[in-house]
Protein backbone atom coordinates (compact mmCIF):
# COMPACT_ATOMS: atom_id res chain seq x y z
CA MET A 1 -0.10 0.12 -0.02
CA SER A 2 0.88 3.95 -0.67
CA THR A 3 0.40 6.96 0.82
CA LEU A 4 -0.35 10.23 -1.35
CA LEU A 5 -0.68 13.69 -0.27
CA HIS A 6 -2.85 15.73 -2.35
CA ILE A 7 -2.17 19.50 -1.87
CA ASP A 8 -4.31 22.38 -3.18
CA SER A 9 -3.23 25.58 -3.50
CA SER A 10 -5.43 27.90 -5.40
CA ALA A 11 -7.76 30.86 -3.37
CA ARG A 12 -10.62 29.62 -5.63
CA GLY A 13 -12.28 27.15 -3.25
CA GLY A 14 -14.13 25.05 -5.82
CA ALA A 15 -13.69 23.32 -9.13
CA SER A 16 -14.14 24.34 -12.79
CA GLY A 17 -16.51 22.49 -14.59
CA ALA A 18 -18.43 21.89 -11.24
CA GLN A 19 -18.64 25.71 -9.86
CA PRO A 20 -18.70 28.94 -11.53
CA HIS A 21 -15.22 30.69 -11.36
CA GLY A 22 -13.60 27.20 -9.94
CA SER A 23 -9.94 26.58 -9.67
CA HIS A 24 -8.50 24.66 -12.50
CA THR A 25 -5.83 23.26 -10.41
CA ARG A 26 -8.61 21.82 -8.13
CA ARG A 27 -10.07 20.17 -10.91
CA LEU A 28 -6.84 18.21 -12.17
CA THR A 29 -6.05 17.29 -8.57
CA GLN A 30 -9.30 16.06 -7.96
CA ARG A 31 -9.54 14.30 -11.12
CA PHE A 32 -6.22 12.41 -10.52
CA VAL A 33 -7.04 11.63 -6.77
CA ARG A 34 -10.25 10.02 -7.98
CA GLN A 35 -8.73 7.89 -10.65
CA TRP A 36 -6.12 7.06 -7.64
CA ARG A 37 -8.35 6.25 -5.29
CA THR A 38 -10.20 4.00 -7.91
CA ALA A 39 -7.77 2.32 -8.75
CA ARG A 40 -6.46 1.89 -5.44
CA PRO A 41 -8.99 1.63 -2.45
CA ALA A 42 -6.94 0.50 0.11
CA ASP A 43 -4.56 3.34 0.07
CA THR A 44 -3.70 6.36 2.05
CA ILE A 45 -4.62 9.72 0.96
CA LEU A 46 -3.88 12.84 3.31
CA TYR A 47 -5.21 15.84 2.39
CA ARG A 48 -3.61 19.77 2.34
CA ASP A 49 -5.60 22.61 1.61
CA VAL A 50 -2.93 25.70 1.49
CA GLY A 51 -5.12 27.98 -0.36
CA ALA A 52 -7.86 28.00 2.06
CA HIS A 53 -5.55 27.44 5.49
CA PRO A 54 -1.71 29.12 4.22
CA PRO A 55 1.26 27.81 6.55
CA ALA A 56 2.31 31.15 8.21
CA PRO A 57 5.10 32.67 6.20
CA VAL A 58 8.87 32.50 7.52
CA THR A 59 10.41 34.94 10.11
CA GLY A 60 13.02 35.54 11.88
CA ARG A 61 12.26 33.63 15.25
CA TRP A 62 11.05 30.64 12.75
CA ILE A 63 14.87 30.80 11.26
CA HIS A 64 16.31 31.05 14.88
CA ALA A 65 14.33 28.24 15.78
CA ALA A 66 14.77 25.51 12.93
CA PHE A 67 18.54 26.11 12.72
CA THR A 68 18.65 25.84 16.68
CA PRO A 69 19.60 21.67 17.19
CA ALA A 70 16.46 20.06 18.62
CA ALA A 71 17.68 19.06 22.11
CA ARG A 72 18.65 22.95 22.95
CA ARG A 73 14.80 24.19 21.36
CA GLU A 74 13.36 26.61 24.08
CA PRO A 75 9.25 25.89 24.80
CA TRP A 76 8.48 28.37 22.02
CA MET A 77 10.59 27.53 19.19
CA HIS A 78 8.73 23.88 19.17
CA ASP A 79 5.69 26.06 19.42
CA LEU A 80 6.78 28.03 16.30
CA LEU A 81 7.82 25.05 14.38
CA ALA A 82 4.54 23.11 15.00
CA CYS A 83 2.97 23.52 11.91
CA SER A 84 6.58 22.86 9.65
CA ASP A 85 6.82 19.87 11.41
CA GLU A 86 3.26 18.54 10.64
CA LEU A 87 3.79 19.40 6.86
CA VAL A 88 7.49 17.74 7.01
CA ASP A 89 5.27 14.55 8.78
CA GLU A 90 3.03 14.59 6.04
CA LEU A 91 5.77 14.80 3.39
CA LEU A 92 7.76 11.94 5.08
CA ALA A 93 4.94 9.60 5.07
CA ALA A 94 4.03 10.21 1.02
CA ASP A 95 4.99 8.05 -1.60
CA ILE A 96 3.69 10.27 -4.10
CA ILE A 97 2.60 13.98 -3.70
CA VAL A 98 0.25 15.37 -6.15
CA ALA A 99 0.10 19.43 -5.75
CA GLY A 100 -2.49 21.68 -7.27
CA VAL A 101 0.07 24.79 -8.05
CA PRO A 102 -1.87 27.36 -10.16
CA MET A 103 0.21 30.54 -11.92
CA TYR A 104 0.18 33.55 -10.25
CA ASN A 105 1.62 36.23 -12.04
CA PHE A 106 4.33 33.79 -13.48
CA GLY A 107 5.22 31.99 -10.10
CA PRO A 108 3.45 30.05 -7.88
CA PRO A 109 0.95 31.52 -5.70
CA ALA A 110 2.18 32.88 -2.05
CA GLN A 111 0.71 30.41 -0.54
CA PHE A 112 2.09 27.43 -1.66
CA LYS A 113 5.60 29.30 -1.34
CA ALA A 114 4.95 29.67 2.40
CA TYR A 115 4.59 25.41 2.24
CA ILE A 116 7.94 24.95 0.42
CA ASP A 117 9.44 27.55 3.18
CA ASN A 118 8.33 25.46 6.24
CA ILE A 119 9.20 22.01 4.28
CA VAL A 120 12.65 23.08 3.29
CA ARG A 121 14.38 22.07 6.64
CA VAL A 122 17.43 21.78 7.86
CA GLY A 123 17.95 18.51 9.83
CA ARG A 124 14.41 17.12 8.57
CA THR A 125 14.50 17.51 4.81
CA PHE A 126 18.09 18.46 3.77
CA GLY A 127 21.29 18.62 5.84
CA PHE A 128 23.71 21.00 5.94
CA ASP A 129 27.52 20.37 7.91
CA ARG A 130 29.67 22.93 7.27
CA ASN A 131 32.61 21.15 7.88
CA ARG A 132 31.50 18.44 5.23
CA PRO A 133 34.18 17.54 2.74
CA GLY A 134 32.98 18.91 -0.39
CA GLU A 135 29.05 19.99 -0.71
CA PRO A 136 27.83 21.72 2.72
CA TYR A 137 24.49 20.20 1.92
CA TRP A 138 22.60 17.04 1.02
CA PRO A 139 18.82 15.97 0.73
CA MET A 140 17.43 13.99 2.93
CA LEU A 141 14.87 12.55 1.04
CA ALA A 142 16.72 11.09 -1.72
CA GLY A 143 16.33 7.72 -2.85
CA GLN A 144 13.27 7.02 -0.89
CA GLY A 145 11.26 6.38 -4.20
CA LYS A 146 8.76 9.95 -3.94
CA ARG A 147 7.12 11.34 -6.91
CA LEU A 148 5.64 14.49 -7.29
CA VAL A 149 2.88 15.09 -9.62
CA LEU A 150 2.73 19.17 -10.53
CA LEU A 151 -0.69 20.17 -12.02
CA SER A 152 -1.16 23.53 -13.11
CA SER A 153 -3.35 26.47 -15.25
CA ARG A 154 -1.87 29.48 -16.56
CA GLY A 155 -4.24 32.33 -18.08
CA ASP A 156 -2.12 32.62 -21.04
CA TYR A 157 -0.53 30.30 -23.92
CA GLY A 158 2.69 29.01 -24.70
CA TYR A 159 4.54 28.50 -20.99
CA GLY A 160 5.93 24.96 -21.87
CA PRO A 161 9.19 23.69 -22.73
CA GLY A 162 10.35 25.64 -26.34
CA GLN A 163 7.16 27.71 -26.74
CA ARG A 164 6.75 31.35 -27.06
CA ILE A 165 7.11 32.16 -23.48
CA ALA A 166 8.14 29.32 -21.68
CA HIS A 167 11.29 31.70 -20.44
CA LEU A 168 8.43 33.31 -18.08
CA ASN A 169 7.25 30.16 -16.53
CA HIS A 170 8.42 30.03 -12.94
CA VAL A 171 6.07 27.57 -11.44
CA GLU A 172 7.34 24.37 -12.62
CA THR A 173 11.05 25.66 -12.38
CA SER A 174 10.83 26.96 -8.58
CA VAL A 175 8.58 23.92 -7.86
CA ARG A 176 11.05 21.42 -9.30
CA THR A 177 14.25 23.37 -7.65
CA ALA A 178 12.35 23.26 -4.15
CA PHE A 179 11.83 19.69 -4.22
CA ALA A 180 15.31 18.51 -6.03
CA TYR A 181 17.03 20.20 -3.09
CA ILE A 182 15.47 17.70 -0.57
CA GLY A 183 15.58 14.45 -2.81
CA ILE A 184 12.51 14.69 -4.79
CA THR A 185 13.16 14.63 -8.46
CA ASP A 186 10.82 11.95 -9.85
CA VAL A 187 8.58 15.26 -10.94
CA HIS A 188 5.66 14.51 -13.54
CA SER A 189 3.41 17.73 -14.64
CA ALA A 190 0.07 19.02 -16.86
CA ALA A 191 -1.20 22.14 -16.99
CA ILE A 192 -4.46 24.40 -18.61
CA GLU A 193 -3.78 27.29 -20.26
CA TYR A 194 -6.09 29.63 -22.16
CA ASP A 195 -7.95 30.60 -18.78
CA GLU A 196 -7.96 34.12 -19.75
CA PHE A 197 -9.76 33.41 -23.49
CA GLY A 198 -12.14 31.41 -22.25
CA ASP A 199 -13.62 29.85 -25.77
CA GLU A 200 -13.05 27.09 -27.36
CA ARG A 201 -9.02 26.77 -26.99
CA LEU A 202 -9.71 26.32 -23.00
CA ASP A 203 -11.73 23.59 -23.56
CA ASP A 204 -9.68 21.98 -25.53
CA SER A 205 -6.44 22.66 -23.04
CA ILE A 206 -8.62 21.19 -20.04
CA GLY A 207 -9.04 17.91 -22.34
CA ARG A 208 -5.33 17.58 -23.13
CA ALA A 209 -4.78 18.34 -19.36
CA GLU A 210 -7.53 16.03 -18.32
CA ARG A 211 -6.06 13.02 -20.33
CA ALA A 212 -2.42 13.71 -19.32
CA VAL A 213 -3.91 13.44 -15.54
CA ASP A 214 -5.15 10.33 -16.22
CA ALA A 215 -2.36 8.57 -17.84
CA LEU A 216 -0.36 9.68 -15.02
CA ALA A 217 -2.60 8.27 -13.01
CA LEU A 218 -2.81 4.85 -14.94
CA GLN A 219 1.31 5.19 -15.02
CA LEU A 220 2.06 6.01 -11.51
CA GLY A 221 -0.94 3.51 -9.51
CA THR A 222 -2.00 0.03 -10.14
CA ASN A 223 -4.99 -1.33 -8.80
CA SER A 224 -5.88 -0.99 -4.85
CA GLY A 225 -7.38 2.80 -3.27
CA ALA A 226 -7.87 5.34 -0.32
CA THR A 227 -8.53 5.97 2.92
CA ALA A 228 -8.42 10.02 3.80
CA GLY A 229 -7.05 12.35 6.43
CA HIS A 230 -7.12 16.11 6.80
CA GLY A 231 -4.68 18.22 7.89
CA ILE A 232 -4.85 21.99 9.17
CA CYS A 233 -2.27 23.89 11.22
């Protein structure tokens, strides 16, 4: 059995196709999870909605706490890191991470950046030793077989590799970089484009993205399924 971590980060609360002005990324993540649940009914699914319940942004006190060795932390430090610890624990438990990350002004939403800042943790997801020969940093989740499915949406079109405005796409590149830094390098993606056009091109893009999601769920899954847990911190 596997554990799937489902993360949504859109500020929109509903899924497109089911609710007016709903989120395309929620539509895609929900579709992936439905396919996974049907095929793998014994798997565990964890759910985290950072769009509705964003983690607190990193502060100077948070950094002080995170870089203080656990044995020397004061009670306020443990309290300050409690949400981050919960997010990291979910990530450590997951075999596959399905993240809905829409493009907001060429990058991920602030809510998802706050999530990244809370899970890229010294001593928990990456190591640091200034006296280590060679590279002082190393990924702590490497070699664990974790996979990331990154599902995005964009108002414009042509953000894919080699396309007209690929250089303006800082969603996939930034998310891939952060997850690779902690050791998760097996990444799969799909995206909906043309949202601001709202015509048949959007419909076609939705269809292509949904077919890509179905293929990914089939490729990454097998025949078994899901029980669910929800987290808010």
